[in-house]
């Protein structure tokens, strides 16, 4: 594996197709992880694949604008504990990951979940 750079954010669209597939697989492993150790390893793998430093929380996400209808197509991969992150959908049953907008999209065109 390669060493992660010191960038606080990565761009999914700039990853190679192979890296995108591996990143997506690591995030799916984290989403379905049944133990904390499995979750942390999957998130660590995803950080390394994206070239991100591993945040203290070990929690990252790809901006939900990448796949959401009406989203701007943003592919930011970011620390989920950054100020300005917007929750667009909570995690489903037996899943670990919520859908989140990056701070830039959360500021420019927020789509928070409705109560």
N, C-alpha and C. Protein backbone atom coordinates (compact mmCIF):
# COMPACT_ATOMS: atom_id res chain seq x y z
N UNK A 1 0.84 -1.18 0.00
CA UNK A 1 0.00 0.00 0.00
C UNK A 1 0.88 1.24 0.00
N UNK A 2 0.32 2.33 -0.52
CA UNK A 2 1.06 3.58 -0.55
C UNK A 2 0.82 4.37 0.72
N UNK A 3 1.72 5.28 1.00
CA UNK A 3 1.60 6.13 2.17
C UNK A 3 0.65 7.28 1.85
N UNK A 4 -0.24 7.61 2.79
CA UNK A 4 -1.21 8.68 2.59
C UNK A 4 -0.51 10.04 2.62
N UNK A 5 -1.00 10.96 1.79
CA UNK A 5 -0.47 12.31 1.77
C UNK A 5 -1.09 13.12 2.91
N UNK A 6 -0.67 14.36 3.05
CA UNK A 6 -1.15 15.22 4.14
C UNK A 6 -2.36 16.06 3.72
N UNK A 7 -3.01 15.74 2.60
CA UNK A 7 -4.18 16.50 2.15
C UNK A 7 -5.37 16.21 3.06
N UNK A 8 -6.14 17.26 3.43
CA UNK A 8 -7.31 17.02 4.26
C UNK A 8 -8.51 16.49 3.48
N UNK A 9 -8.45 16.53 2.15
CA UNK A 9 -9.57 16.11 1.31
C UNK A 9 -9.03 15.50 0.02
N UNK A 10 -9.74 14.53 -0.50
CA UNK A 10 -9.37 13.92 -1.78
C UNK A 10 -10.58 14.03 -2.72
N UNK A 11 -10.34 13.75 -4.00
CA UNK A 11 -11.40 13.83 -5.01
C UNK A 11 -11.57 12.45 -5.64
N UNK A 12 -12.72 11.84 -5.40
CA UNK A 12 -13.01 10.50 -5.91
C UNK A 12 -12.84 10.44 -7.43
N UNK A 13 -13.23 11.49 -8.12
CA UNK A 13 -13.16 11.49 -9.59
C UNK A 13 -11.73 11.48 -10.11
N UNK A 14 -10.78 11.83 -9.28
CA UNK A 14 -9.37 11.82 -9.69
C UNK A 14 -8.66 10.50 -9.41
N UNK A 15 -9.35 9.59 -8.72
CA UNK A 15 -8.77 8.27 -8.48
C UNK A 15 -8.85 7.45 -9.76
N UNK A 16 -7.93 6.54 -9.93
CA UNK A 16 -7.99 5.64 -11.08
C UNK A 16 -9.23 4.77 -10.94
N UNK A 17 -9.72 4.19 -12.04
CA UNK A 17 -10.87 3.29 -11.93
C UNK A 17 -10.63 2.15 -10.93
N UNK A 18 -9.42 1.64 -10.89
CA UNK A 18 -9.10 0.56 -9.96
C UNK A 18 -9.16 1.06 -8.52
N UNK A 19 -8.62 2.26 -8.28
CA UNK A 19 -8.65 2.83 -6.93
C UNK A 19 -10.08 3.17 -6.53
N UNK A 20 -10.89 3.65 -7.47
CA UNK A 20 -12.30 3.92 -7.17
C UNK A 20 -13.01 2.64 -6.74
N UNK A 21 -12.78 1.57 -7.46
CA UNK A 21 -13.43 0.29 -7.13
C UNK A 21 -12.97 -0.21 -5.76
N UNK A 22 -11.68 -0.11 -5.48
CA UNK A 22 -11.15 -0.55 -4.18
C UNK A 22 -11.66 0.33 -3.05
N UNK A 23 -11.73 1.66 -3.29
CA UNK A 23 -12.25 2.58 -2.29
C UNK A 23 -13.72 2.25 -1.99
N UNK A 24 -14.51 2.07 -3.02
CA UNK A 24 -15.93 1.75 -2.85
C UNK A 24 -16.09 0.45 -2.08
N UNK A 25 -15.27 -0.53 -2.39
CA UNK A 25 -15.33 -1.81 -1.68
C UNK A 25 -14.97 -1.63 -0.20
N UNK A 26 -13.95 -0.83 0.09
CA UNK A 26 -13.57 -0.58 1.49
C UNK A 26 -14.70 0.12 2.24
N UNK A 27 -15.35 1.09 1.59
CA UNK A 27 -16.46 1.80 2.23
C UNK A 27 -17.65 0.87 2.45
N UNK A 28 -17.88 -0.04 1.52
CA UNK A 28 -18.96 -1.02 1.70
C UNK A 28 -18.64 -1.96 2.85
N UNK A 29 -17.37 -2.34 2.99
CA UNK A 29 -16.96 -3.17 4.14
C UNK A 29 -17.21 -2.43 5.44
N UNK A 30 -16.88 -1.14 5.47
CA UNK A 30 -17.12 -0.34 6.68
C UNK A 30 -18.61 -0.24 6.97
N UNK A 31 -19.41 -0.03 5.93
CA UNK A 31 -20.84 0.12 6.10
C UNK A 31 -21.48 -1.14 6.68
N UNK A 32 -20.96 -2.30 6.32
CA UNK A 32 -21.52 -3.57 6.75
C UNK A 32 -20.74 -4.22 7.89
N UNK A 33 -19.72 -3.56 8.41
CA UNK A 33 -18.87 -4.15 9.45
C UNK A 33 -19.68 -4.43 10.71
N UNK A 34 -19.45 -5.61 11.26
CA UNK A 34 -20.15 -6.00 12.47
C UNK A 34 -19.37 -5.73 13.74
N UNK A 35 -18.07 -5.46 13.60
CA UNK A 35 -17.25 -5.17 14.78
C UNK A 35 -16.49 -3.86 14.57
N UNK A 36 -16.09 -3.26 15.68
CA UNK A 36 -15.33 -2.02 15.62
C UNK A 36 -14.00 -2.22 14.89
N UNK A 37 -13.33 -3.33 15.16
CA UNK A 37 -12.04 -3.59 14.51
C UNK A 37 -12.20 -3.69 12.99
N UNK A 38 -13.22 -4.38 12.53
CA UNK A 38 -13.47 -4.53 11.10
C UNK A 38 -13.78 -3.17 10.47
N UNK A 39 -14.59 -2.38 11.16
CA UNK A 39 -14.94 -1.04 10.68
C UNK A 39 -13.69 -0.16 10.57
N UNK A 40 -12.90 -0.13 11.64
CA UNK A 40 -11.70 0.72 11.64
C UNK A 40 -10.71 0.29 10.56
N UNK A 41 -10.56 -1.00 10.32
CA UNK A 41 -9.65 -1.46 9.28
C UNK A 41 -10.16 -1.06 7.90
N UNK A 42 -11.46 -1.20 7.66
CA UNK A 42 -12.02 -0.81 6.37
C UNK A 42 -11.86 0.69 6.14
N UNK A 43 -12.12 1.50 7.16
CA UNK A 43 -11.96 2.95 7.03
C UNK A 43 -10.49 3.32 6.82
N UNK A 44 -9.59 2.66 7.51
CA UNK A 44 -8.16 2.90 7.33
C UNK A 44 -7.76 2.57 5.90
N UNK A 45 -8.24 1.44 5.38
CA UNK A 45 -7.96 1.07 3.99
C UNK A 45 -8.48 2.13 3.03
N UNK A 46 -9.70 2.63 3.27
CA UNK A 46 -10.30 3.64 2.40
C UNK A 46 -9.48 4.93 2.43
N UNK A 47 -9.01 5.33 3.61
CA UNK A 47 -8.17 6.53 3.71
C UNK A 47 -6.90 6.37 2.89
N UNK A 48 -6.25 5.24 3.03
CA UNK A 48 -5.00 4.99 2.31
C UNK A 48 -5.26 4.99 0.80
N UNK A 49 -6.32 4.34 0.37
CA UNK A 49 -6.65 4.30 -1.05
C UNK A 49 -6.93 5.69 -1.62
N UNK A 50 -7.54 6.56 -0.81
CA UNK A 50 -7.86 7.91 -1.25
C UNK A 50 -6.67 8.86 -1.11
N UNK A 51 -5.62 8.43 -0.42
CA UNK A 51 -4.47 9.29 -0.19
C UNK A 51 -4.70 10.30 0.91
N UNK A 52 -5.59 9.97 1.84
CA UNK A 52 -5.90 10.86 2.95
C UNK A 52 -5.16 10.44 4.21
N UNK A 53 -4.78 11.42 5.04
CA UNK A 53 -4.30 11.04 6.37
C UNK A 53 -5.48 10.44 7.14
N UNK A 54 -5.20 9.50 8.00
CA UNK A 54 -6.27 8.85 8.76
C UNK A 54 -6.67 9.79 9.89
N UNK A 55 -7.93 10.28 9.86
CA UNK A 55 -8.34 11.22 10.91
C UNK A 55 -8.45 10.53 12.26
N UNK A 56 -8.39 11.31 13.31
CA UNK A 56 -8.49 10.76 14.67
C UNK A 56 -9.76 9.93 14.84
N UNK A 57 -10.84 10.36 14.21
CA UNK A 57 -12.11 9.65 14.32
C UNK A 57 -12.15 8.38 13.47
N UNK A 58 -11.25 8.28 12.51
CA UNK A 58 -11.19 7.20 11.53
C UNK A 58 -12.46 7.14 10.68
N UNK A 59 -13.18 8.23 10.58
CA UNK A 59 -14.42 8.27 9.82
C UNK A 59 -14.28 9.21 8.64
N UNK A 60 -14.50 8.68 7.44
CA UNK A 60 -14.49 9.49 6.23
C UNK A 60 -15.75 9.19 5.44
N UNK A 61 -16.03 10.03 4.46
CA UNK A 61 -17.19 9.82 3.58
C UNK A 61 -16.87 10.41 2.21
N UNK A 62 -17.60 9.95 1.22
CA UNK A 62 -17.60 10.60 -0.09
C UNK A 62 -18.85 11.45 -0.13
N UNK A 63 -18.75 12.67 -0.63
CA UNK A 63 -19.87 13.60 -0.67
C UNK A 63 -21.07 12.94 -1.35
N UNK A 64 -22.24 13.08 -0.71
CA UNK A 64 -23.45 12.47 -1.27
C UNK A 64 -23.87 13.12 -2.59
N UNK A 65 -23.30 14.28 -2.91
CA UNK A 65 -23.61 14.93 -4.19
C UNK A 65 -23.11 14.10 -5.38
N UNK A 66 -22.20 13.17 -5.13
CA UNK A 66 -21.66 12.32 -6.21
C UNK A 66 -22.77 11.49 -6.84
N UNK A 67 -23.67 10.94 -6.01
CA UNK A 67 -24.68 10.01 -6.52
C UNK A 67 -26.12 10.50 -6.35
N UNK A 68 -26.36 11.51 -5.54
CA UNK A 68 -27.73 11.96 -5.29
C UNK A 68 -28.33 12.62 -6.53
N UNK A 69 -29.59 12.34 -6.78
CA UNK A 69 -30.31 13.06 -7.84
C UNK A 69 -30.34 14.53 -7.44
N UNK A 70 -30.00 15.39 -8.34
CA UNK A 70 -29.95 16.81 -8.03
C UNK A 70 -28.66 17.25 -7.40
N UNK A 71 -27.75 16.30 -7.16
CA UNK A 71 -26.44 16.65 -6.60
C UNK A 71 -25.56 17.28 -7.66
N UNK A 72 -24.51 17.92 -7.23
CA UNK A 72 -23.63 18.64 -8.17
C UNK A 72 -22.54 17.75 -8.76
N UNK A 73 -22.46 16.49 -8.31
CA UNK A 73 -21.44 15.58 -8.82
C UNK A 73 -20.13 15.66 -8.06
N UNK A 74 -20.13 16.36 -6.92
CA UNK A 74 -18.91 16.51 -6.11
C UNK A 74 -18.42 15.14 -5.65
N UNK A 75 -17.14 14.89 -5.81
CA UNK A 75 -16.55 13.63 -5.40
C UNK A 75 -15.63 13.76 -4.21
N UNK A 76 -15.82 14.81 -3.41
CA UNK A 76 -14.94 15.02 -2.25
C UNK A 76 -14.99 13.83 -1.30
N UNK A 77 -13.83 13.41 -0.83
CA UNK A 77 -13.70 12.40 0.22
C UNK A 77 -13.12 13.16 1.40
N UNK A 78 -13.78 13.10 2.55
CA UNK A 78 -13.45 14.00 3.65
C UNK A 78 -13.66 13.36 5.01
N UNK A 79 -13.06 13.96 6.02
CA UNK A 79 -13.25 13.59 7.43
C UNK A 79 -14.67 13.98 7.82
N UNK A 80 -15.43 13.04 8.33
CA UNK A 80 -16.83 13.31 8.64
C UNK A 80 -17.01 14.23 9.85
N UNK A 81 -15.94 14.51 10.57
CA UNK A 81 -16.03 15.37 11.74
C UNK A 81 -15.64 16.81 11.46
N UNK A 82 -15.49 17.18 10.20
CA UNK A 82 -15.18 18.56 9.84
C UNK A 82 -16.40 19.45 10.10
N UNK A 83 -16.17 20.70 10.48
CA UNK A 83 -17.29 21.62 10.62
C UNK A 83 -17.96 21.82 9.26
N UNK A 84 -19.28 21.93 9.26
CA UNK A 84 -20.01 22.21 8.03
C UNK A 84 -20.51 20.99 7.27
N UNK A 85 -20.20 19.78 7.75
CA UNK A 85 -20.71 18.57 7.11
C UNK A 85 -22.23 18.51 7.33
N UNK A 86 -22.98 18.15 6.29
CA UNK A 86 -24.45 18.09 6.37
C UNK A 86 -24.90 16.65 6.17
N UNK A 87 -25.73 16.16 7.08
CA UNK A 87 -26.31 14.81 6.97
C UNK A 87 -27.50 14.89 6.02
N UNK A 88 -27.42 14.12 4.92
CA UNK A 88 -28.52 14.10 3.95
C UNK A 88 -29.41 12.87 4.10
N UNK A 89 -28.92 11.83 4.74
CA UNK A 89 -29.71 10.63 5.03
C UNK A 89 -29.00 9.85 6.13
N UNK A 90 -29.77 9.39 7.10
CA UNK A 90 -29.17 8.59 8.17
C UNK A 90 -28.90 7.18 7.67
N UNK A 91 -28.10 6.45 8.43
CA UNK A 91 -27.78 5.08 8.05
C UNK A 91 -29.02 4.19 8.14
N UNK A 92 -29.06 3.21 7.25
CA UNK A 92 -30.16 2.26 7.24
C UNK A 92 -29.99 1.19 8.29
N UNK A 93 -31.00 0.34 8.46
CA UNK A 93 -30.89 -0.75 9.43
C UNK A 93 -29.68 -1.64 9.12
N UNK A 94 -28.96 -2.00 10.15
CA UNK A 94 -27.79 -2.88 10.05
C UNK A 94 -26.68 -2.29 9.19
N UNK A 95 -26.67 -0.97 8.99
CA UNK A 95 -25.61 -0.29 8.26
C UNK A 95 -24.96 0.74 9.19
N UNK A 96 -23.74 1.11 8.88
CA UNK A 96 -22.99 2.02 9.75
C UNK A 96 -22.86 3.44 9.22
N UNK A 97 -22.98 3.63 7.92
CA UNK A 97 -22.67 4.92 7.33
C UNK A 97 -23.90 5.71 6.93
N UNK A 98 -23.90 7.00 7.30
CA UNK A 98 -24.94 7.93 6.86
C UNK A 98 -24.48 8.57 5.56
N UNK A 99 -25.40 9.20 4.83
CA UNK A 99 -25.06 9.97 3.64
C UNK A 99 -24.75 11.40 4.09
N UNK A 100 -23.63 11.93 3.63
CA UNK A 100 -23.17 13.25 4.07
C UNK A 100 -22.75 14.12 2.90
N UNK A 101 -22.97 15.42 3.04
CA UNK A 101 -22.41 16.39 2.10
C UNK A 101 -21.13 16.94 2.71
N UNK A 102 -20.14 17.18 1.86
CA UNK A 102 -18.89 17.78 2.32
C UNK A 102 -19.18 19.22 2.78
N UNK A 103 -18.27 19.82 3.54
CA UNK A 103 -18.51 21.19 4.02
C UNK A 103 -18.75 22.21 2.90
N UNK A 104 -18.06 22.07 1.77
CA UNK A 104 -18.26 23.02 0.67
C UNK A 104 -19.67 22.92 0.12
N UNK A 105 -20.12 21.71 -0.19
CA UNK A 105 -21.48 21.53 -0.70
C UNK A 105 -22.51 21.85 0.38
N UNK A 106 -22.20 21.51 1.63
CA UNK A 106 -23.10 21.82 2.73
C UNK A 106 -23.31 23.32 2.89
N UNK A 107 -22.32 24.09 2.49
CA UNK A 107 -22.43 25.54 2.53
C UNK A 107 -23.11 26.08 1.28
N UNK A 108 -22.68 25.60 0.12
CA UNK A 108 -23.14 26.15 -1.16
C UNK A 108 -24.55 25.74 -1.54
N UNK A 109 -24.93 24.50 -1.27
CA UNK A 109 -26.27 24.01 -1.62
C UNK A 109 -26.66 22.88 -0.67
N UNK A 110 -26.91 23.20 0.60
CA UNK A 110 -27.22 22.14 1.58
C UNK A 110 -28.54 21.44 1.26
N UNK A 111 -28.55 20.13 1.52
CA UNK A 111 -29.75 19.32 1.37
C UNK A 111 -29.93 18.47 2.62
N UNK A 112 -30.13 19.12 3.78
CA UNK A 112 -30.25 18.33 5.02
C UNK A 112 -31.50 17.44 5.00
N UNK A 113 -31.45 16.39 5.80
CA UNK A 113 -32.62 15.52 5.90
C UNK A 113 -33.77 16.31 6.48
N UNK A 114 -34.98 16.03 6.04
CA UNK A 114 -36.17 16.70 6.54
C UNK A 114 -36.66 15.98 7.77
N UNK A 115 -37.15 16.75 8.73
CA UNK A 115 -37.70 16.16 9.95
C UNK A 115 -39.07 15.58 9.71
